[in-house]
Amino acid sequence: MLQRLPLALLTVALLAALPASAQQQAPTPDGPPVVAPSDDPDAAENAPSKVPLEEIRRYVAVFNAVKEAYVEPVEDKKLMQSAIRGLLLDLDPHSTYFDKQDTDAFDEQASGAYEGIGVELQQQADRTLLVVSPIDDTPAAKAGIKSGDIITAIDGKPISADDGMEPLRGAPGSKITLTIVRDGAPKPFDVTLVRDTIRVTSVRSRVLEPGYGYVRISAFQTDTAADFQKQLDTLQAKGPLRGLVLDLRSNPGGLLLAAVQVADELLEKGNIVSTRGRLSISDSKFDATPGDRLGGAPVVVLVDAGSASASEVLAGALRDNDRARVVGSRTFGKGSVQTVLPLDNGDSVKLTTARYYTPSGKSIQASGIVPDVVVKPEGATPDAIVGQDGQLYITEATLPGHLRGDDEGQAGYTPGDVLDGEAPIKAALGELKKLAVTARAKPAATPR
């Protein structure tokens, strides 16, 4: 989940939070940085994050050794970028360094228009790319790429630490071949895709049956809340809604504010989500404003193992406020907030700055949201053993270096399933009809 805080203000806050000794470090022309003496006699005790001078010397020694003895010349800039990436590598899977190209691509995806194949990815420690989810109606989705797939090579070449996901982008109409490892497949296989201009329509709707609407949100972008309002208005123009299925399956998340705005459209009052971090500027609380666009008509939220981050915020907010029933499978479990910090050269750092909490005060980090009604994939028996259906069960809890969750490791944890097709929608509709029967006995509210 990406939080759009005032970046300049957060950068200042981060710098202000550094120990005085760290702020006073300055490199000398011929040697390692020198730490200026502090006027505070208790500075060492009050600055646990102070970098010891011997560690700085060790870094400079390694830097010089590479420069002088590596088999081929290495540019200073490349070495420094590698060092910066290494600084973030062991923090958590979602903190990363973006060069200018990566920063521009990240901003484009948030706005919903970019050139590529249309897939949400997570780079792993071994440089392979984990598919969190393909985006609806993009080359990746049409080619059959699935949540949990592992991309091990691009155009026959292993994924490099420097290029990362960049080769996936390219001119519309150009071809790209991905080598995929999929649990249940006997061996890696290649998939050839044609890049396209990805214009993500994050919200779609249709009528399932007279009086029962369906809204699909595939990602949370800058215009998602406005599109959600339009789609609800379109459905209501076709006749009064007795209930709504809100489909968040394989929704990888996106902008926090967009998820908050969608929740507000369906809530009359109550807390939506709160965030808490080390710095006070990372703490926030979002509450609903009066007015429920559906007038209290029941809602069922459909989720699966690919539902992550902002989609989990929305599902948690609606359930904790007794506004919706959650149907499907345990969600991904990404309960952290990332903030993009711009650097003066056009690069940026995407840093995990807080955890988020649902209205009940629960963190779903590394545990996910367990649905009220569990739905199994088509063809799986109700008591199927995890992994029997051939899916790759990768969740936040299995990512190397993930933040430990409050409820992580509790007995009975099993990862969720990826739920494809129309069968889960039919199951959600069945639950919605049950809720509608109960709702008919209550006085109706007025939609705003």
Protein backbone atom coordinates (compact mmCIF):
# COMPACT_ATOMS: atom_id res chain seq x y z
CA MET A 1 0.00 0.00 0.00
CA LEU A 2 1.42 3.35 -1.03
CA GLN A 3 0.72 6.33 1.16
CA ARG A 4 0.83 9.70 -0.58
CA LEU A 5 2.07 11.87 2.29
CA PRO A 6 3.67 15.31 1.79
CA LEU A 7 7.02 13.95 0.65
CA ALA A 8 9.12 17.03 1.32
CA LEU A 9 7.72 17.19 4.85
CA LEU A 10 8.39 13.51 5.46
CA THR A 11 11.93 13.84 4.13
CA VAL A 12 12.57 16.69 6.56
CA ALA A 13 11.10 14.62 9.37
CA LEU A 14 13.30 11.65 8.52
CA LEU A 15 16.40 13.83 8.48
CA ALA A 16 15.41 15.47 11.74
CA ALA A 17 15.02 12.06 13.32
CA LEU A 18 18.58 11.08 12.49
CA PRO A 19 21.09 11.32 15.35
CA ALA A 20 23.17 14.46 15.33
CA SER A 21 26.30 12.45 14.60
CA ALA A 22 24.78 11.02 11.41
CA GLN A 23 23.79 14.47 10.17
CA GLN A 24 27.29 15.82 10.78
CA GLN A 25 29.13 13.18 8.78
CA ALA A 26 30.98 14.58 5.77
CA PRO A 27 33.39 12.86 3.37
CA THR A 28 36.94 14.08 3.12
CA PRO A 29 38.75 14.17 -0.24
CA ASP A 30 41.22 11.42 0.56
CA GLY A 31 39.60 9.31 3.19
CA PRO A 32 36.46 8.04 4.86
CA PRO A 33 33.79 10.30 6.33
CA VAL A 34 34.76 12.00 9.56
CA VAL A 35 32.25 12.25 12.38
CA ALA A 36 32.27 15.71 13.89
CA PRO A 37 32.32 15.82 17.68
CA SER A 38 28.96 16.37 19.33
CA ASP A 39 28.20 18.98 21.96
CA ASP A 40 25.84 16.56 23.65
CA PRO A 41 27.70 14.33 26.16
CA ASP A 42 24.87 11.80 25.97
CA ALA A 43 24.79 11.75 22.16
CA ALA A 44 26.16 8.21 21.92
CA GLU A 45 23.58 6.89 24.34
CA ASN A 46 20.71 8.76 22.70
CA ALA A 47 21.68 7.81 19.15
CA PRO A 48 21.37 4.02 18.81
CA SER A 49 21.41 4.27 14.99
CA LYS A 50 24.81 6.00 14.89
CA VAL A 51 27.12 4.32 12.38
CA PRO A 52 30.46 3.43 14.04
CA LEU A 53 33.50 4.93 12.35
CA GLU A 54 35.06 1.48 11.95
CA GLU A 55 32.06 0.35 9.85
CA ILE A 56 32.49 3.37 7.57
CA ARG A 57 36.17 2.52 7.20
CA ARG A 58 35.29 -1.07 6.35
CA TYR A 59 32.93 0.10 3.61
CA VAL A 60 35.60 2.39 2.14
CA ALA A 61 38.12 -0.46 2.25
CA VAL A 62 35.78 -2.76 0.32
CA PHE A 63 34.94 0.03 -2.13
CA ASN A 64 38.64 0.64 -2.81
CA ALA A 65 39.36 -3.09 -3.12
CA VAL A 66 36.69 -3.46 -5.80
CA LYS A 67 37.93 -0.38 -7.63
CA GLU A 68 41.53 -1.57 -7.64
CA ALA A 69 41.34 -5.36 -7.94
CA TYR A 70 38.08 -6.38 -9.66
CA VAL A 71 38.66 -8.19 -12.94
CA GLU A 72 37.02 -5.37 -14.94
CA PRO A 73 36.78 -1.63 -14.25
CA VAL A 74 33.67 -0.56 -12.32
CA GLU A 75 32.31 2.98 -12.38
CA ASP A 76 31.98 4.80 -9.07
CA LYS A 77 28.31 5.56 -9.78
CA LYS A 78 27.48 1.89 -10.34
CA LEU A 79 29.25 0.88 -7.13
CA MET A 80 27.44 3.55 -5.14
CA GLN A 81 24.05 2.55 -6.55
CA SER A 82 24.75 -1.07 -5.67
CA ALA A 83 25.69 -0.01 -2.15
CA ILE A 84 22.46 1.96 -1.78
CA ARG A 85 20.37 -0.97 -3.01
CA GLY A 86 22.20 -3.21 -0.57
CA LEU A 87 21.35 -0.78 2.24
CA LEU A 88 17.64 -1.40 1.61
CA LEU A 89 17.85 -5.06 0.59
CA ASP A 90 17.60 -6.59 4.06
CA LEU A 91 14.98 -4.20 5.47
CA ASP A 92 11.80 -5.75 4.07
CA PRO A 93 10.63 -6.88 0.61
CA HIS A 94 8.82 -3.60 -0.12
CA SER A 95 11.59 -1.08 0.57
CA THR A 96 13.63 -0.41 -2.55
CA TYR A 97 15.69 2.10 -4.47
CA PHE A 98 14.32 3.56 -7.70
CA ASP A 99 16.52 5.20 -10.30
CA LYS A 100 14.86 7.91 -12.38
CA GLN A 101 13.48 5.44 -14.93
CA ASP A 102 12.02 3.26 -12.20
CA THR A 103 10.55 6.34 -10.48
CA ASP A 104 8.86 7.49 -13.69
CA ALA A 105 7.50 3.98 -14.32
CA PHE A 106 6.15 3.78 -10.76
CA ASP A 107 4.34 7.11 -11.13
CA GLU A 108 2.91 6.02 -14.48
CA GLN A 109 1.47 2.83 -13.00
CA ALA A 110 -0.17 4.79 -10.18
CA SER A 111 -1.84 7.02 -12.79
CA GLY A 112 -3.02 3.97 -14.75
CA ALA A 113 -1.21 4.41 -18.09
CA TYR A 114 2.16 2.95 -19.09
CA GLU A 115 3.84 0.73 -21.67
CA GLY A 116 4.52 -2.87 -20.74
CA ILE A 117 2.74 -6.17 -20.14
CA GLY A 118 0.43 -5.32 -17.22
CA VAL A 119 1.51 -7.25 -14.15
CA GLU A 120 2.18 -6.48 -10.48
CA LEU A 121 5.58 -7.89 -9.47
CA GLN A 122 7.76 -8.38 -6.42
CA GLN A 123 11.50 -8.86 -6.97
CA GLN A 124 12.92 -11.57 -4.75
CA ALA A 125 16.32 -11.99 -3.16
CA ASP A 126 17.47 -14.36 -5.94
CA ARG A 127 16.49 -11.66 -8.51
CA THR A 128 13.55 -13.63 -9.86
CA LEU A 129 10.21 -11.83 -10.16
CA LEU A 130 7.16 -13.02 -8.22
CA VAL A 131 3.84 -12.30 -9.90
CA VAL A 132 1.55 -10.83 -7.24
CA SER A 133 -1.23 -10.53 -9.80
CA PRO A 134 -1.79 -9.88 -13.50
CA ILE A 135 -3.91 -6.81 -14.27
CA ASP A 136 -7.26 -7.40 -15.94
CA ASP A 137 -7.39 -7.30 -19.76
CA THR A 138 -3.65 -6.73 -20.24
CA PRO A 139 -1.15 -8.83 -22.25
CA ALA A 140 -0.11 -10.66 -19.07
CA ALA A 141 -3.67 -11.63 -18.15
CA LYS A 142 -4.56 -12.63 -21.72
CA ALA A 143 -1.43 -14.83 -21.93
CA GLY A 144 -2.48 -16.76 -18.82
CA ILE A 145 0.08 -15.37 -16.36
CA LYS A 146 -1.15 -16.21 -12.85
CA SER A 147 -0.64 -14.98 -9.31
CA GLY A 148 2.23 -16.95 -7.78
CA ASP A 149 4.11 -17.48 -11.06
CA ILE A 150 7.87 -16.91 -10.88
CA ILE A 151 9.60 -15.19 -13.81
CA THR A 152 13.16 -16.53 -13.96
CA ALA A 153 14.35 -15.14 -17.30
CA ILE A 154 13.39 -12.48 -19.84
CA ASP A 155 14.11 -13.20 -23.52
CA GLY A 156 16.27 -16.13 -22.43
CA LYS A 157 18.49 -14.03 -20.15
CA PRO A 158 18.59 -14.28 -16.35
CA ILE A 159 17.22 -11.24 -14.56
CA SER A 160 20.05 -8.89 -13.60
CA ALA A 161 20.32 -6.91 -10.39
CA ASP A 162 20.76 -3.68 -12.36
CA ASP A 163 17.90 -4.02 -14.85
CA GLY A 164 15.34 -5.77 -12.63
CA MET A 165 11.85 -5.31 -14.09
CA GLU A 166 12.88 -2.69 -16.67
CA PRO A 167 13.11 -5.15 -19.63
CA LEU A 168 9.38 -5.83 -19.25
CA ARG A 169 8.70 -2.30 -20.48
CA GLY A 170 9.01 -1.43 -24.12
CA ALA A 171 7.36 -0.08 -27.24
CA PRO A 172 3.79 -1.24 -27.89
CA GLY A 173 3.78 -4.08 -30.43
CA SER A 174 7.21 -5.41 -29.44
CA LYS A 175 7.45 -9.02 -28.30
CA ILE A 176 8.91 -10.38 -25.09
CA THR A 177 9.40 -13.97 -23.91
CA LEU A 178 9.16 -14.84 -20.22
CA THR A 179 10.43 -18.05 -18.66
CA ILE A 180 7.92 -19.09 -16.01
CA VAL A 181 8.18 -21.47 -13.07
CA ARG A 182 4.75 -22.53 -11.85
CA ASP A 183 4.03 -24.89 -8.99
CA GLY A 184 2.43 -28.00 -10.41
CA ALA A 185 4.08 -27.59 -13.82
CA PRO A 186 6.70 -30.30 -14.47
CA LYS A 187 9.33 -27.82 -15.70
CA PRO A 188 9.82 -24.13 -16.55
CA PHE A 189 8.04 -22.97 -19.70
CA ASP A 190 8.15 -19.92 -21.97
CA VAL A 191 5.33 -17.49 -22.62
CA THR A 192 5.60 -14.92 -25.43
CA LEU A 193 3.68 -11.67 -25.00
CA VAL A 194 3.23 -8.52 -27.07
CA ARG A 195 3.78 -5.31 -25.11
CA ASP A 196 1.02 -2.75 -25.21
CA THR A 197 0.06 0.63 -23.81
CA ILE A 198 -1.54 -0.34 -20.54
CA ARG A 199 -4.50 1.86 -19.75
CA VAL A 200 -5.88 0.23 -16.69
CA THR A 201 -9.61 0.56 -16.18
CA SER A 202 -9.56 -0.06 -12.48
CA VAL A 203 -13.35 -0.24 -12.00
CA ARG A 204 -15.95 -2.20 -13.97
CA SER A 205 -19.54 -3.12 -13.23
CA ARG A 206 -22.49 -5.19 -14.42
CA VAL A 207 -25.83 -6.46 -13.20
CA LEU A 208 -25.68 -10.06 -11.97
CA GLU A 209 -29.42 -10.43 -11.55
CA PRO A 210 -32.23 -7.88 -11.32
CA GLY A 211 -31.52 -5.85 -8.18
CA TYR A 212 -28.03 -7.30 -7.60
CA GLY A 213 -25.01 -5.36 -8.83
CA TYR A 214 -21.38 -6.32 -9.32
CA VAL A 215 -18.36 -4.00 -9.19
CA ARG A 216 -14.84 -5.18 -9.94
CA ILE A 217 -11.88 -3.10 -8.68
CA SER A 218 -8.60 -4.38 -10.11
CA ALA A 219 -6.25 -1.78 -8.53
CA PHE A 220 -6.40 1.46 -6.56
CA GLN A 221 -5.27 4.42 -8.65
CA THR A 222 -5.77 8.16 -8.59
CA ASP A 223 -9.16 7.99 -10.32
CA THR A 224 -10.50 4.77 -8.78
CA ALA A 225 -12.87 6.42 -6.28
CA ALA A 226 -14.41 8.68 -8.95
CA ASP A 227 -14.84 5.70 -11.28
CA PHE A 228 -16.43 3.70 -8.45
CA GLN A 229 -19.01 6.45 -7.93
CA LYS A 230 -19.83 6.50 -11.66
CA GLN A 231 -20.22 2.73 -11.82
CA LEU A 232 -22.55 2.70 -8.81
CA ASP A 233 -24.63 5.49 -10.35
CA THR A 234 -24.84 3.48 -13.60
CA LEU A 235 -26.03 0.37 -11.77
CA GLN A 236 -28.60 2.29 -9.73
CA ALA A 237 -29.93 3.95 -12.88
CA LYS A 238 -30.95 0.48 -14.09
CA GLY A 239 -33.09 -0.08 -11.00
CA PRO A 240 -32.87 -0.05 -7.19
CA LEU A 241 -30.02 -2.19 -5.84
CA ARG A 242 -30.91 -4.79 -3.24
CA GLY A 243 -27.21 -5.66 -2.82
CA LEU A 244 -23.69 -5.40 -4.25
CA VAL A 245 -20.85 -7.84 -4.84
CA LEU A 246 -17.53 -5.96 -4.59
CA ASP A 247 -14.84 -8.07 -6.30
CA LEU A 248 -11.28 -7.46 -5.02
CA ARG A 249 -9.76 -10.76 -6.14
CA SER A 250 -6.10 -10.49 -7.20
CA ASN A 251 -6.19 -6.75 -6.53
CA PRO A 252 -2.57 -5.96 -5.54
CA GLY A 253 -3.46 -2.67 -3.85
CA GLY A 254 -2.17 0.76 -4.80
CA LEU A 255 -2.96 4.16 -3.33
CA LEU A 256 -4.20 4.21 0.25
CA LEU A 257 -6.35 7.29 -0.27
CA ALA A 258 -8.25 5.65 -3.14
CA ALA A 259 -9.21 2.69 -0.92
CA VAL A 260 -10.24 5.07 1.87
CA GLN A 261 -12.46 7.04 -0.54
CA VAL A 262 -14.18 3.88 -1.80
CA ALA A 263 -14.83 2.75 1.78
CA ASP A 264 -16.28 6.16 2.59
CA GLU A 265 -18.80 5.78 -0.24
CA LEU A 266 -20.27 2.74 1.54
CA LEU A 267 -19.98 3.79 5.19
CA GLU A 268 -22.22 6.15 7.13
CA LYS A 269 -19.74 6.53 9.98
CA GLY A 270 -16.83 4.84 11.75
CA ASN A 271 -13.11 4.46 11.36
CA ILE A 272 -11.75 3.21 8.03
CA VAL A 273 -8.06 2.63 8.73
CA SER A 274 -5.21 3.98 10.82
CA THR A 275 -1.46 3.89 10.28
CA ARG A 276 1.31 3.93 12.88
CA GLY A 277 5.05 4.25 12.35
CA ARG A 278 8.18 5.37 14.20
CA LEU A 279 7.72 9.01 13.18
CA SER A 280 4.60 10.93 14.12
CA ILE A 281 4.16 12.10 10.52
CA SER A 282 3.59 8.45 9.55
CA ASP A 283 0.64 8.24 11.97
CA SER A 284 -2.76 8.90 10.46
CA LYS A 285 -6.40 8.03 10.97
CA PHE A 286 -9.15 8.05 8.36
CA ASP A 287 -12.83 8.17 9.37
CA ALA A 288 -15.96 7.91 7.27
CA THR A 289 -18.11 10.95 6.53
CA PRO A 290 -21.92 10.78 6.67
CA GLY A 291 -23.67 9.31 3.64
CA ASP A 292 -23.88 5.76 2.29
CA ARG A 293 -24.22 5.70 -1.50
CA LEU A 294 -26.07 2.36 -1.35
CA GLY A 295 -28.41 3.43 1.44
CA GLY A 296 -27.49 0.45 3.59
CA ALA A 297 -28.09 -2.22 0.93
CA PRO A 298 -25.97 -5.28 1.83
CA VAL A 299 -22.47 -5.75 0.44
CA VAL A 300 -20.38 -8.87 -0.05
CA VAL A 301 -16.64 -8.40 -0.60
CA LEU A 302 -14.95 -11.12 -2.67
CA VAL A 303 -11.23 -11.67 -1.96
CA ASP A 304 -8.51 -14.25 -2.58
CA ALA A 305 -4.79 -14.87 -2.02
CA GLY A 306 -3.91 -12.15 -4.53
CA SER A 307 -5.86 -9.46 -2.66
CA ALA A 308 -3.22 -7.33 -1.00
CA SER A 309 -2.54 -4.04 0.74
CA ALA A 310 -5.16 -1.37 -0.11
CA SER A 311 -7.70 -4.06 -1.07
CA GLU A 312 -7.22 -5.57 2.40
CA VAL A 313 -7.75 -2.12 3.92
CA LEU A 314 -11.09 -1.82 2.13
CA ALA A 315 -12.23 -5.35 3.04
CA GLY A 316 -11.20 -4.87 6.67
CA ALA A 317 -12.90 -1.49 6.95
CA LEU A 318 -16.24 -2.74 5.63
CA ARG A 319 -16.24 -5.89 7.73
CA ASP A 320 -15.11 -4.28 10.99
CA ASN A 321 -17.90 -1.72 10.63
CA ASP A 322 -20.45 -4.53 10.05
CA ARG A 323 -21.08 -3.13 6.59
CA ALA A 324 -20.10 -6.19 4.54
CA ARG A 325 -19.51 -9.91 4.66
CA VAL A 326 -16.16 -11.12 3.29
CA VAL A 327 -16.28 -14.17 1.01
CA GLY A 328 -13.45 -16.05 -0.69
CA SER A 329 -10.00 -17.05 0.56
CA ARG A 330 -7.41 -15.72 3.00
CA THR A 331 -5.79 -12.58 1.61
CA PHE A 332 -2.09 -11.92 0.93
CA GLY A 333 -1.33 -10.23 4.25
CA LYS A 334 0.52 -7.04 3.29
CA GLY A 335 -0.15 -4.71 6.20
CA SER A 336 2.58 -2.12 5.66
CA VAL A 337 2.64 1.39 4.21
CA GLN A 338 5.29 2.57 1.74
CA THR A 339 6.24 6.20 1.17
CA VAL A 340 8.17 7.42 -1.86
CA LEU A 341 10.97 9.81 -0.89
CA PRO A 342 12.31 11.76 -3.88
CA LEU A 343 16.03 12.46 -4.19
CA ASP A 344 17.53 15.54 -5.76
CA ASN A 345 18.86 13.66 -8.82
CA GLY A 346 15.46 12.31 -9.89
CA ASP A 347 15.90 8.95 -8.17
CA SER A 348 13.78 7.99 -5.18
CA VAL A 349 13.54 5.60 -2.26
CA LYS A 350 10.37 3.62 -1.61
CA LEU A 351 10.54 3.03 2.12
CA THR A 352 8.26 1.14 4.48
CA THR A 353 7.27 3.78 7.04
CA ALA A 354 4.27 2.40 8.93
CA ARG A 355 1.89 -0.46 9.58
CA TYR A 356 -1.82 -0.07 9.00
CA TYR A 357 -4.60 -1.22 11.32
CA THR A 358 -8.21 -2.05 10.57
CA PRO A 359 -10.97 -0.33 12.62
CA SER A 360 -10.90 -3.13 15.21
CA GLY A 361 -7.22 -2.29 15.85
CA LYS A 362 -6.01 -5.44 14.12
CA SER A 363 -2.89 -5.61 11.98
CA ILE A 364 -3.17 -8.10 9.15
CA GLN A 365 0.57 -8.03 8.43
CA ALA A 366 1.72 -11.55 7.47
CA SER A 367 -1.63 -13.04 8.48
CA GLY A 368 -4.14 -11.58 6.03
CA ILE A 369 -7.90 -11.36 6.31
CA VAL A 370 -9.72 -14.63 6.85
CA PRO A 371 -13.11 -14.53 5.06
CA ASP A 372 -16.40 -15.09 6.82
CA VAL A 373 -17.30 -17.63 4.12
CA VAL A 374 -14.49 -19.69 2.57
CA VAL A 375 -14.64 -20.53 -1.14
CA LYS A 376 -12.36 -23.17 -2.66
CA PRO A 377 -11.07 -23.16 -6.24
CA GLU A 378 -13.11 -25.03 -8.83
CA GLY A 379 -12.24 -28.72 -8.75
CA ALA A 380 -10.85 -28.65 -5.20
CA THR A 381 -12.60 -30.60 -2.47
CA PRO A 382 -13.61 -28.69 0.69
CA ASP A 383 -10.92 -30.47 2.71
CA ALA A 384 -8.24 -30.23 0.03
CA ILE A 385 -4.67 -30.24 1.25
CA VAL A 386 -2.87 -26.96 0.69
CA GLY A 387 -0.97 -27.13 -2.56
CA GLN A 388 -2.91 -30.12 -3.91
CA ASP A 389 -4.51 -28.05 -6.68
CA GLY A 390 -1.13 -27.08 -8.10
CA GLN A 391 -1.05 -23.42 -7.08
CA LEU A 392 2.02 -21.70 -5.70
CA TYR A 393 1.14 -20.44 -2.24
CA ILE A 394 3.28 -17.36 -1.79
CA THR A 395 2.08 -14.80 0.74
CA GLU A 396 3.56 -11.91 2.68
CA ALA A 397 4.51 -14.40 5.41
CA THR A 398 6.67 -16.39 2.98
CA LEU A 399 8.58 -13.41 1.54
CA PRO A 400 12.19 -13.32 2.81
CA GLY A 401 12.79 -10.50 5.29
CA HIS A 402 9.13 -9.54 5.71
CA LEU A 403 7.98 -7.55 8.73
CA ARG A 404 6.76 -9.91 11.41
CA GLY A 405 3.04 -9.69 12.03
CA ASP A 406 1.32 -9.47 15.41
CA ASP A 407 -0.56 -12.73 14.79
CA GLU A 408 2.11 -14.46 12.72
CA GLY A 409 2.85 -18.07 13.58
CA GLN A 410 -0.45 -18.79 15.28
CA ALA A 411 -1.80 -22.31 15.02
CA GLY A 412 -4.16 -23.01 12.16
CA TYR A 413 -2.64 -20.65 9.63
CA THR A 414 -2.93 -21.79 6.04
CA PRO A 415 -2.35 -19.54 3.02
CA GLY A 416 -5.24 -18.69 0.75
CA ASP A 417 -6.15 -19.79 -2.77
CA VAL A 418 -6.23 -17.84 -6.00
CA LEU A 419 -9.87 -17.89 -7.09
CA ASP A 420 -10.42 -17.55 -10.82
CA GLY A 421 -13.55 -17.62 -12.91
CA GLU A 422 -17.26 -17.08 -12.34
CA ALA A 423 -17.85 -19.70 -9.63
CA PRO A 424 -16.63 -17.46 -6.76
CA ILE A 425 -18.90 -14.66 -8.02
CA LYS A 426 -21.87 -17.04 -7.90
CA ALA A 427 -20.92 -18.03 -4.34
CA ALA A 428 -20.71 -14.36 -3.35
CA LEU A 429 -24.10 -13.69 -4.95
CA GLY A 430 -25.60 -16.55 -2.92
CA GLU A 431 -24.35 -14.95 0.30
CA LEU A 432 -25.59 -11.56 -0.85
CA LYS A 433 -29.10 -12.88 -1.34
CA LYS A 434 -29.10 -14.25 2.22
CA LEU A 435 -28.10 -10.81 3.51
CA ALA A 436 -30.76 -9.17 1.37
CA VAL A 437 -33.48 -11.29 2.97
CA THR A 438 -32.41 -10.03 6.39
CA ALA A 439 -32.05 -6.45 5.14
CA ARG A 440 -35.64 -6.38 3.85
CA ALA A 441 -36.84 -6.64 7.42
CA LYS A 442 -35.01 -3.41 8.33
CA PRO A 443 -35.98 0.19 7.48
CA ALA A 444 -34.19 1.33 4.31
CA ALA A 445 -31.79 4.26 4.40
CA THR A 446 -31.70 6.91 1.71
CA PRO A 447 -28.80 6.64 -0.77
CA ARG A 448 -26.79 9.83 -1.08
